[in-house]
């Protein structure tokens, strides 16, 4: 229940981070692209094949270091149904390697449509008398701005199938304050949304005190991150913005509770494209990603120790 499985993965690896798998062809080493396009005359089929090969190499290198991966749907959708097949196969491969999978889809709708999104990404669908999982991720990012009607179909599945959701609360992008920092009465919009996460998840709390309704809170706003951690004691945080977007290890420290739980920190390009930044041979892309993931883990661990005066 809640995010117990994720918390246990994090504790086992002593690493509260997630690797974003947001691949574009420009990020994929040339030798992988060349092989994929030599094997198919369909450009979308070749692109999807290259993405999947790239992802598998990253997962192989990271699975014993990083507890989770976070594929972003848009980077697969842009390559058509072939790209979406690569997403399905990426999720299955990561789970087979023991990794927790967060699909970053930011889905939201109401009624039967939201039930369909929930079934597609987290649950199962009835097909010819059989319940079949389509994408089968462990968690999904969602937009909560349609209110409870857009969340309840998800929490129903979270309770019955041990899944989780992360609701957009205070996002890492520069213009997030245009809406999220506005006030409703005496509270900011992001604070109202955070309070709603606490309410939505009240009956899904797990053994570690966190519910199945998490929140996306950006590392680029450490003051708000600290405010929300204190205000939302049962809400697990997914924290984007570390690395390429400008957030550092000290910025993410406020996301964690007194036990060092309560958050998982994302890095996408920083890990995927580490071989480019380090000037490595492209054949070593996976080992460069692993080295960056270890550096990130150690960077955050050091900042957490410093915050405790150790």
Foldseek 3Di string as FASTA:
>chain_A
DACVLLQVLCVVQVFQAEAELQDDPVLQDPVLLVVLVVVDVDVLLSRLSSSLVLLLLQLVLPLSRHQAYEYEVVSQPVSPPSSVVSLLVSQVSNVVSVHAYEYEDQDWDFDPVLLVVLCAQDNFDQDPNDTHHHSRHQEYEHECVVDPRGPVSNVVSCQVPVGAYAYEQAALDPCSCVQQQDDDVPDGNSVVVLVVLLVSFVVAADPVQAGRYAYEHELNCLVVLLVSCVVRVRHAYEYECDDPNDGFLLSCLSCADPVRGRYHYYDYCCLSNQCVVVVHDSVCSNVSSSVSSVVRRVRNVVSNCVVVVD
